[in-house]
Every structure is written in structure tokens, then in C-alpha cells.
Amino acid sequence: RALRAFSRASPFRTSCFGEWRECTSARFALFGWIMPRSVAVHPLAIVGIADHFTRVKQGGSPQAPTQPAVGLLMGTRRGLQSNILDAADLSYTDNGTETVIAESQIETKRALTRAVYPDYEVLGWYTIAEGLEALHARIHECLAAYVDDPLFLVMKPLGLGDTAGQDGEGMDGSDAPDGTEALPLTVYEMGVATEEFGFVSLAFQLETAEAEQISIEHVAKVTPKSGITKTELHLSSLITSLVTLQSRVQILTEYLDEISERPQMEPSPALLRSVAQLANLLPPVKEKAFEIGRADTATFGTALGTSVTDGLITANLALMSNASLVLGKLSDKFTLAYDARLR
């Protein structure tokens, strides 16, 4: 804090702070004190960054469409664990050699965020770009005077990243599973001067909370178009979910068939326990409708029919109970409205 106060008061605060940071990093590297840094990116932050970029390109922002979108990363920090939870847009001026960001603007963003989320703080900044530029080094150096060890997140608008990625994998998608794509994000921190513009890429993980998942699903929900009812839209979503469930069940059955046909293949005990837990959720299977080694079709059909009958009986009993409750309320109203002699 004393060094930060000195850097703010000094006219050479940017250069002094940069020299102090490089000296500290070199000393840590000399004694082997560098510890791995953990970064988690949440979906709401990604949505906020993408929304900022869209507003700038569509002319819905006071910022010029040709000027790169820049903003602050908000979240929590616990030691070496940083959670990027939100993003806020930021304005700046740059003349090609110097970048100026008003400190009052950063303090305003910080105060507004802490008024809602007291634990949040400024973790760094973000931009939308195809790669690293000299402008990024100037902005990062300017923000380093106000933010402790800031992170730098780059989102590619039209492609995937190059060096770092989710869970430490490459952002070009080469290490991603078949049929999937890596996020077009790269997270950096300031390193030694030998790196490109002094930035070093960091591995990050994509994390989400239950409240975030509900919010993202609500934002991504498709609204009904003309000629399409809400029922059709719901059924379409239900069919998509069933198809996805069927494909995942098919993967599990193929894996179990491969294990049974290839005795030399060593199965995964953890995966088999998970499959057994899923199977036990089915009432007919839980009642041991399967014999050891092969399926008993007749027993399985009987157990399945019993389970369906029990479910229908439970539903009918619930309807009867609801109807009895409604009749009781109607009887009470009738008693209050009419005299007993009229009945």
C-alpha cells in the first residue's frame, strides 16, 4: 500500500511501479518463490464482454466503433485464486505513445459494484482483439497503478485464441475433444520483459454457479416467432433434451458392451460406480429386475408395468385429494351464504 501511494503521488509513477514489479518478479524467480496462479472465468463475465463488444460495433455506445472495446474485470480474489465474475465497460484516451484512464472512473465502477457485491474488487481488464498489441501494454501499465497485479483477458471476436485456454489447453481447438470448440479467450498477466509485450499467458477454468446457470438459460431462451406457439417451442426443447439424453445413454451402453466383449480391457471402477448409481434410479432396475449376466425380459416387463401403475395410482390419488379440498372450500362458502333451512 505504501508503494502504491508513492506511485500515485510521484509524476514517474508508471515507470517506478513497473521497475519495482520487474525487480520483485526477478527476486521471486531467483529464490524459486513463484507459485501457480488459479483463474476461473464465469459465464456472466463472458456475456458482459460480448455485450459490450456488440454495443460498440452497432453504435449503441458513446465509444467509436473503430476503437477497441476495453473494460474492467470484477470478481473475488482469495490468495492465488481469482474468480472473474462480472465485467464493466471503461473509456480511455490514447495518442499512440501514452494512455490515460481517469482514476475517478475506476473508483466509480468499483464503488457501484461493491454497493451490490461487497466482496467484489477490480481484478484487471479486458479487450476484444485478434492478438497482443503495444496499446495493450500501455493500458495494462496504466491500470497497474490502480489495481494490484491486474489480469488481462483477450477475447477474439471472429476466431479462437492462440496460446492459452480453458484448463490449460490450447485455444486453437487442437486439444479439444472431437465435436467441441475451445473458448476464444486468453488470460494474461505481466511477466518478464522477454515475453511478447511483457505478457505471460495463464491457464483458466470455466466455472458457473446455480444462479448464473439459471440466468444464462433465461437470456439464451428463444422467444416464439410468428406462427409458432409456446407449446411447440416447449415440445421442441423437450425433444432436443431427449435426443441429447439418448445419445449420452448410447455412449454408456457402448462402453459397457465394449468392456463385456473385451475382457483384456481394464474398466474404470469410478465410472462403473457412476453407471450403477444411474441404473439404481430406475425403479424396475432397483427392484433387481435383471438377472446376473443377462436381462430377464419378462421380469423387467412386469416390474416396469408395476412401476407405471403405481405412478398412475399416485397421480389419481393426488387429483382426488385436490378435488376433495375444492369441494370442502365450496361447502364452507355455501354454508356462509345460505341458511341451513334452505338446504
Protein backbone atom coordinates (compact mmCIF):
# COMPACT_ATOMS: atom_id res chain seq x y z
CA ARG A 1 0.00 0.00 0.00
CA ALA A 2 2.87 2.39 0.78
CA LEU A 3 4.43 1.67 -2.62
CA ARG A 4 1.07 2.23 -4.31
CA ALA A 5 0.59 5.56 -2.52
CA PHE A 6 4.11 6.60 -3.57
CA SER A 7 3.46 5.56 -7.17
CA ARG A 8 0.26 7.62 -7.30
CA ALA A 9 1.90 10.69 -5.82
CA SER A 10 5.03 10.54 -7.98
CA PRO A 11 5.00 12.01 -11.51
CA PHE A 12 7.00 8.96 -12.59
CA ARG A 13 4.54 6.53 -11.02
CA THR A 14 4.18 4.31 -14.09
CA SER A 15 7.89 3.76 -14.63
CA CYS A 16 8.67 3.40 -10.91
CA PHE A 17 5.91 0.87 -10.39
CA GLY A 18 6.98 -1.08 -13.48
CA GLU A 19 10.61 -1.22 -12.31
CA TRP A 20 9.50 -2.33 -8.83
CA ARG A 21 7.31 -5.08 -10.36
CA GLU A 22 10.11 -6.38 -12.60
CA CYS A 23 12.56 -6.32 -9.68
CA THR A 24 10.12 -8.21 -7.45
CA SER A 25 9.41 -10.81 -10.14
CA ALA A 26 13.13 -11.36 -10.72
CA ARG A 27 13.75 -11.76 -6.97
CA PHE A 28 10.91 -14.29 -6.68
CA ALA A 29 12.24 -16.24 -9.66
CA LEU A 30 15.76 -16.22 -8.19
CA PHE A 31 14.63 -17.81 -4.92
CA GLY A 32 12.03 -20.08 -6.50
CA TRP A 33 9.06 -18.45 -4.79
CA ILE A 34 6.76 -18.32 -7.83
CA MET A 35 3.51 -20.17 -7.13
CA PRO A 36 0.93 -21.25 -9.72
CA ARG A 37 -1.96 -18.83 -10.12
CA SER A 38 -5.50 -20.14 -10.47
CA VAL A 39 -8.02 -18.20 -12.58
CA ALA A 40 -11.72 -19.03 -13.00
CA VAL A 41 -13.93 -17.29 -15.59
CA HIS A 42 -17.70 -17.24 -15.09
CA PRO A 43 -20.31 -17.12 -17.89
CA LEU A 44 -21.81 -13.78 -16.79
CA ALA A 45 -18.45 -12.10 -17.33
CA ILE A 46 -18.20 -13.57 -20.84
CA VAL A 47 -21.74 -12.42 -21.64
CA GLY A 48 -20.92 -8.91 -20.38
CA ILE A 49 -17.79 -8.71 -22.55
CA ALA A 50 -19.64 -9.93 -25.64
CA ASP A 51 -22.49 -7.48 -24.98
CA HIS A 52 -20.04 -4.59 -24.68
CA PHE A 53 -18.42 -5.52 -27.99
CA THR A 54 -21.83 -5.75 -29.69
CA ARG A 55 -22.95 -2.35 -28.39
CA VAL A 56 -19.75 -0.71 -29.62
CA LYS A 57 -19.94 -2.25 -33.11
CA GLN A 58 -23.65 -1.49 -33.51
CA GLY A 59 -23.27 2.15 -32.48
CA GLY A 60 -25.11 1.77 -29.19
CA SER A 61 -22.18 3.12 -27.18
CA PRO A 62 -20.62 6.60 -26.96
CA GLN A 63 -17.36 4.90 -27.92
CA ALA A 64 -16.39 4.98 -31.60
CA PRO A 65 -16.99 1.68 -33.44
CA THR A 66 -13.37 1.66 -34.63
CA GLN A 67 -11.97 1.98 -31.12
CA PRO A 68 -11.21 -1.30 -29.31
CA ALA A 69 -13.67 -2.19 -26.55
CA VAL A 70 -12.00 -2.07 -23.13
CA GLY A 71 -13.45 -2.75 -19.71
CA LEU A 72 -12.76 -3.82 -16.14
CA LEU A 73 -12.90 -7.36 -14.79
CA MET A 74 -14.77 -7.66 -11.49
CA GLY A 75 -14.68 -10.59 -9.11
CA THR A 76 -13.18 -12.04 -5.95
CA ARG A 77 -9.63 -12.88 -5.02
CA ARG A 78 -8.53 -15.33 -2.33
CA GLY A 79 -4.77 -15.59 -2.29
CA LEU A 80 -3.73 -17.00 -5.67
CA GLN A 81 -7.34 -17.89 -6.62
CA SER A 82 -9.06 -15.27 -8.81
CA ASN A 83 -12.71 -15.58 -9.85
CA ILE A 84 -13.76 -13.33 -12.74
CA LEU A 85 -17.49 -12.87 -12.12
CA ASP A 86 -18.52 -9.72 -13.98
CA ALA A 87 -17.33 -7.09 -16.46
CA ALA A 88 -17.83 -3.32 -16.75
CA ASP A 89 -17.05 -1.09 -19.72
CA LEU A 90 -14.29 1.50 -19.47
CA SER A 91 -13.36 4.57 -21.52
CA TYR A 92 -9.81 5.74 -22.22
CA THR A 93 -7.77 8.03 -24.45
CA ASP A 94 -4.60 7.07 -26.32
CA ASN A 95 -2.38 9.19 -28.56
CA GLY A 96 -0.10 6.37 -29.72
CA THR A 97 2.55 6.85 -27.04
CA GLU A 98 0.58 7.38 -23.83
CA THR A 99 -2.71 6.03 -22.48
CA VAL A 100 -4.80 7.97 -19.98
CA ILE A 101 -7.56 6.43 -17.83
CA ALA A 102 -9.29 8.61 -15.28
CA GLU A 103 -8.86 7.27 -11.75
CA SER A 104 -12.29 8.66 -10.82
CA GLN A 105 -13.85 6.40 -13.44
CA ILE A 106 -12.24 3.30 -11.93
CA GLU A 107 -13.28 4.32 -8.41
CA THR A 108 -16.87 4.93 -9.59
CA LYS A 109 -17.09 1.47 -11.19
CA ARG A 110 -15.59 -0.08 -8.06
CA ALA A 111 -18.00 1.74 -5.74
CA LEU A 112 -21.07 0.83 -7.81
CA THR A 113 -20.06 -2.83 -7.89
CA ARG A 114 -19.30 -3.01 -4.16
CA ALA A 115 -22.63 -1.40 -3.35
CA VAL A 116 -24.28 -4.58 -4.68
CA TYR A 117 -21.49 -7.12 -4.12
CA PRO A 118 -19.29 -6.07 -1.18
CA ASP A 119 -16.76 -8.86 -1.81
CA TYR A 120 -16.08 -7.86 -5.42
CA GLU A 121 -12.97 -5.98 -6.45
CA VAL A 122 -11.24 -4.96 -9.66
CA LEU A 123 -9.15 -7.91 -10.87
CA GLY A 124 -7.91 -6.49 -14.15
CA TRP A 125 -9.21 -5.52 -17.57
CA TYR A 126 -10.33 -6.99 -20.88
CA THR A 127 -10.38 -6.11 -24.55
CA ILE A 128 -11.54 -7.52 -27.88
CA ALA A 129 -8.62 -8.09 -30.25
CA GLU A 130 -7.04 -10.58 -32.62
CA GLY A 131 -3.74 -10.54 -30.76
CA LEU A 132 -1.43 -8.60 -28.47
CA GLU A 133 -0.56 -5.02 -29.38
CA ALA A 134 1.55 -2.21 -27.97
CA LEU A 135 -1.68 -0.46 -26.91
CA HIS A 136 -2.43 -3.33 -24.55
CA ALA A 137 0.92 -2.89 -22.80
CA ARG A 138 0.23 0.83 -22.31
CA ILE A 139 -3.26 0.23 -20.91
CA HIS A 140 -2.00 -2.53 -18.62
CA GLU A 141 0.79 -0.31 -17.35
CA CYS A 142 -1.70 2.48 -16.67
CA LEU A 143 -4.10 0.21 -14.75
CA ALA A 144 -1.25 -1.32 -12.73
CA ALA A 145 -1.05 1.96 -10.83
CA TYR A 146 -4.60 1.43 -9.51
CA VAL A 147 -5.05 -2.36 -9.43
CA ASP A 148 -2.81 -4.87 -7.66
CA ASP A 149 -1.30 -7.37 -10.11
CA PRO A 150 -4.04 -6.95 -12.76
CA LEU A 151 -5.16 -9.74 -15.05
CA PHE A 152 -5.59 -9.16 -18.77
CA LEU A 153 -8.28 -11.05 -20.72
CA VAL A 154 -8.38 -11.02 -24.52
CA MET A 155 -11.44 -12.22 -26.45
CA LYS A 156 -11.16 -12.92 -30.16
CA PRO A 157 -14.30 -11.73 -31.96
CA LEU A 158 -14.06 -13.96 -35.03
CA GLY A 159 -11.77 -16.84 -34.09
CA LEU A 160 -10.09 -18.86 -31.38
CA GLY A 161 -7.13 -17.85 -29.27
CA ASP A 162 -3.56 -18.92 -29.80
CA THR A 163 -1.59 -19.78 -26.69
CA ALA A 164 -3.59 -20.37 -23.53
CA GLY A 165 -7.03 -21.68 -22.88
CA GLN A 166 -9.54 -23.44 -20.74
CA ASP A 167 -7.92 -25.87 -18.34
CA GLY A 168 -4.54 -25.03 -19.80
CA GLU A 169 -5.29 -26.41 -23.26
CA GLY A 170 -4.53 -24.61 -26.50
CA MET A 171 -7.09 -22.17 -27.73
CA ASP A 172 -6.79 -23.30 -31.32
CA GLY A 173 -9.01 -26.29 -30.55
CA SER A 174 -6.28 -28.86 -31.30
CA ASP A 175 -6.51 -30.37 -27.81
CA ALA A 176 -10.27 -30.07 -27.54
CA PRO A 177 -12.41 -33.23 -27.86
CA ASP A 178 -13.98 -34.05 -31.20
CA GLY A 179 -17.08 -32.02 -31.92
CA THR A 180 -16.23 -29.30 -29.38
CA GLU A 181 -14.53 -25.91 -29.60
CA ALA A 182 -12.41 -24.04 -27.11
CA LEU A 183 -13.47 -20.63 -25.86
CA PRO A 184 -11.95 -17.69 -27.80
CA LEU A 185 -10.44 -16.35 -24.58
CA THR A 186 -6.88 -15.89 -23.40
CA VAL A 187 -5.86 -14.68 -19.93
CA TYR A 188 -2.52 -12.95 -19.36
CA GLU A 189 -0.53 -11.46 -16.53
CA MET A 190 2.53 -9.23 -16.62
CA GLY A 191 5.73 -11.24 -16.68
CA VAL A 192 9.35 -10.67 -17.60
CA ALA A 193 10.37 -8.35 -20.40
CA THR A 194 11.46 -11.23 -22.66
CA GLU A 195 7.82 -12.19 -23.36
CA GLU A 196 5.67 -10.53 -26.03
CA PHE A 197 4.97 -7.03 -24.71
CA GLY A 198 5.80 -8.43 -21.27
CA PHE A 199 2.65 -10.62 -21.07
CA VAL A 200 2.60 -14.27 -19.96
CA SER A 201 -0.41 -16.46 -20.70
CA LEU A 202 -2.27 -18.19 -17.86
CA ALA A 203 -4.43 -21.30 -17.81
CA PHE A 204 -8.01 -20.76 -16.68
CA GLN A 205 -11.12 -22.78 -15.89
CA LEU A 206 -14.73 -22.12 -16.78
CA GLU A 207 -16.90 -22.22 -13.65
CA THR A 208 -20.55 -21.45 -13.02
CA ALA A 209 -22.90 -21.24 -10.07
CA GLU A 210 -26.52 -22.38 -10.00
CA ALA A 211 -27.85 -18.81 -10.06
CA GLU A 212 -25.63 -18.00 -13.05
CA GLN A 213 -26.82 -21.08 -14.90
CA ILE A 214 -30.47 -20.06 -14.43
CA SER A 215 -29.71 -16.53 -15.64
CA ILE A 216 -27.81 -17.71 -18.70
CA GLU A 217 -30.58 -20.14 -19.64
CA HIS A 218 -33.14 -17.34 -19.30
CA VAL A 219 -31.09 -15.00 -21.52
CA ALA A 220 -30.47 -17.69 -24.12
CA LYS A 221 -34.12 -18.76 -24.21
CA VAL A 222 -35.59 -18.50 -27.71
CA THR A 223 -38.71 -16.36 -27.96
CA PRO A 224 -41.63 -17.71 -30.05
CA LYS A 225 -41.80 -16.39 -33.59
CA SER A 226 -44.92 -15.64 -35.59
CA GLY A 227 -46.88 -18.82 -36.28
CA ILE A 228 -45.11 -20.81 -33.51
CA THR A 229 -46.88 -21.33 -30.21
CA LYS A 230 -45.22 -21.65 -26.82
CA THR A 231 -46.34 -25.30 -26.71
CA GLU A 232 -44.49 -26.07 -29.93
CA LEU A 233 -41.42 -24.28 -28.65
CA HIS A 234 -41.57 -26.22 -25.37
CA LEU A 235 -42.01 -29.54 -27.20
CA SER A 236 -39.08 -28.70 -29.47
CA SER A 237 -36.89 -28.03 -26.44
CA LEU A 238 -38.13 -31.25 -24.82
CA ILE A 239 -37.33 -33.28 -27.93
CA THR A 240 -33.83 -31.79 -28.04
CA SER A 241 -33.27 -32.75 -24.40
CA LEU A 242 -34.50 -36.31 -25.01
CA VAL A 243 -32.26 -36.70 -28.06
CA THR A 244 -29.27 -35.48 -26.04
CA LEU A 245 -30.15 -37.87 -23.21
CA GLN A 246 -30.48 -40.76 -25.65
CA SER A 247 -27.08 -40.03 -27.21
CA ARG A 248 -25.41 -39.99 -23.78
CA VAL A 249 -27.09 -43.22 -22.74
CA GLN A 250 -25.93 -44.75 -26.02
CA ILE A 251 -22.35 -43.82 -25.19
CA LEU A 252 -22.61 -45.57 -21.82
CA THR A 253 -24.13 -48.73 -23.33
CA GLU A 254 -21.42 -48.88 -25.99
CA TYR A 255 -18.77 -48.57 -23.29
CA LEU A 256 -20.34 -51.39 -21.24
CA ASP A 257 -20.65 -53.59 -24.35
CA GLU A 258 -17.01 -52.99 -25.17
CA ILE A 259 -15.98 -53.99 -21.65
CA SER A 260 -18.03 -57.20 -21.82
CA GLU A 261 -16.67 -58.13 -25.27
CA ARG A 262 -13.04 -57.33 -24.45
CA PRO A 263 -12.03 -58.96 -21.14
CA GLN A 264 -8.48 -57.66 -21.52
CA MET A 265 -9.76 -54.08 -21.33
CA GLU A 266 -9.39 -52.69 -17.82
CA PRO A 267 -12.61 -50.90 -16.77
CA SER A 268 -12.73 -47.75 -14.70
CA PRO A 269 -14.17 -48.53 -11.22
CA ALA A 270 -15.26 -44.91 -10.67
CA LEU A 271 -17.13 -44.85 -13.99
CA LEU A 272 -18.81 -48.20 -13.27
CA ARG A 273 -19.96 -46.94 -9.87
CA SER A 274 -21.46 -43.86 -11.53
CA VAL A 275 -23.28 -46.05 -14.07
CA ALA A 276 -24.60 -48.24 -11.25
CA GLN A 277 -25.93 -45.16 -9.42
CA LEU A 278 -27.74 -44.04 -12.56
CA ALA A 279 -29.22 -47.51 -13.06
CA ASN A 280 -30.46 -47.62 -9.47
CA LEU A 281 -32.51 -44.50 -10.12
CA LEU A 282 -34.79 -46.62 -12.34
CA PRO A 283 -37.39 -48.39 -10.15
CA PRO A 284 -37.52 -51.64 -12.19
CA VAL A 285 -33.75 -51.97 -12.12
CA LYS A 286 -33.63 -51.04 -8.45
CA GLU A 287 -36.01 -53.93 -7.76
CA LYS A 288 -33.46 -56.27 -9.36
CA ALA A 289 -35.44 -56.93 -12.48
CA PHE A 290 -32.19 -58.02 -14.14
CA GLU A 291 -30.57 -61.34 -13.55
CA ILE A 292 -26.82 -61.64 -13.24
CA GLY A 293 -25.24 -61.83 -16.68
CA ARG A 294 -28.35 -61.38 -18.87
CA ALA A 295 -31.62 -59.45 -18.86
CA ASP A 296 -34.84 -61.21 -17.87
CA THR A 297 -37.31 -59.62 -20.28
CA ALA A 298 -40.44 -60.99 -18.64
CA THR A 299 -39.42 -59.90 -15.14
CA PHE A 300 -38.36 -56.50 -16.41
CA GLY A 301 -41.69 -56.01 -18.22
CA THR A 302 -43.64 -56.95 -15.11
CA ALA A 303 -41.62 -54.60 -12.89
CA LEU A 304 -41.95 -51.79 -15.42
CA GLY A 305 -45.73 -52.27 -15.60
CA THR A 306 -45.98 -52.27 -11.82
CA SER A 307 -43.95 -49.07 -11.63
CA VAL A 308 -46.14 -47.34 -14.23
CA THR A 309 -49.32 -48.49 -12.44
CA ASP A 310 -48.05 -47.20 -9.11
CA GLY A 311 -47.27 -43.85 -10.68
CA LEU A 312 -50.74 -43.55 -12.23
CA ILE A 313 -52.41 -44.51 -8.94
CA THR A 314 -50.38 -41.86 -7.10
CA ALA A 315 -51.38 -39.23 -9.67
CA ASN A 316 -55.08 -40.20 -9.40
CA LEU A 317 -54.95 -40.04 -5.60
CA ALA A 318 -53.41 -36.57 -5.81
CA LEU A 319 -56.24 -35.43 -8.13
CA MET A 320 -58.87 -36.87 -5.79
CA SER A 321 -57.31 -35.14 -2.80
CA ASN A 322 -57.28 -31.83 -4.67
CA ALA A 323 -60.92 -32.29 -5.71
CA SER A 324 -61.93 -33.07 -2.10
CA LEU A 325 -60.18 -29.91 -0.93
CA VAL A 326 -62.02 -27.80 -3.52
CA LEU A 327 -65.39 -29.36 -2.55
CA GLY A 328 -64.71 -28.67 1.13
CA LYS A 329 -63.99 -24.98 0.42
CA LEU A 330 -67.15 -24.75 -1.73
CA SER A 331 -69.21 -26.31 1.06
CA ASP A 332 -67.91 -23.78 3.58
CA LYS A 333 -68.79 -20.89 1.25
CA PHE A 334 -72.29 -22.34 0.69
CA THR A 335 -72.86 -22.61 4.45
CA LEU A 336 -71.89 -18.99 4.96
CA ALA A 337 -74.02 -17.73 2.06
CA TYR A 338 -77.32 -19.62 2.73
CA ASP A 339 -79.30 -20.53 5.80
CA ALA A 340 -79.45 -24.12 6.93
CA ARG A 341 -83.29 -24.20 6.36
CA LEU A 342 -82.85 -23.52 2.64
CA ARG A 343 -80.69 -26.58 2.31
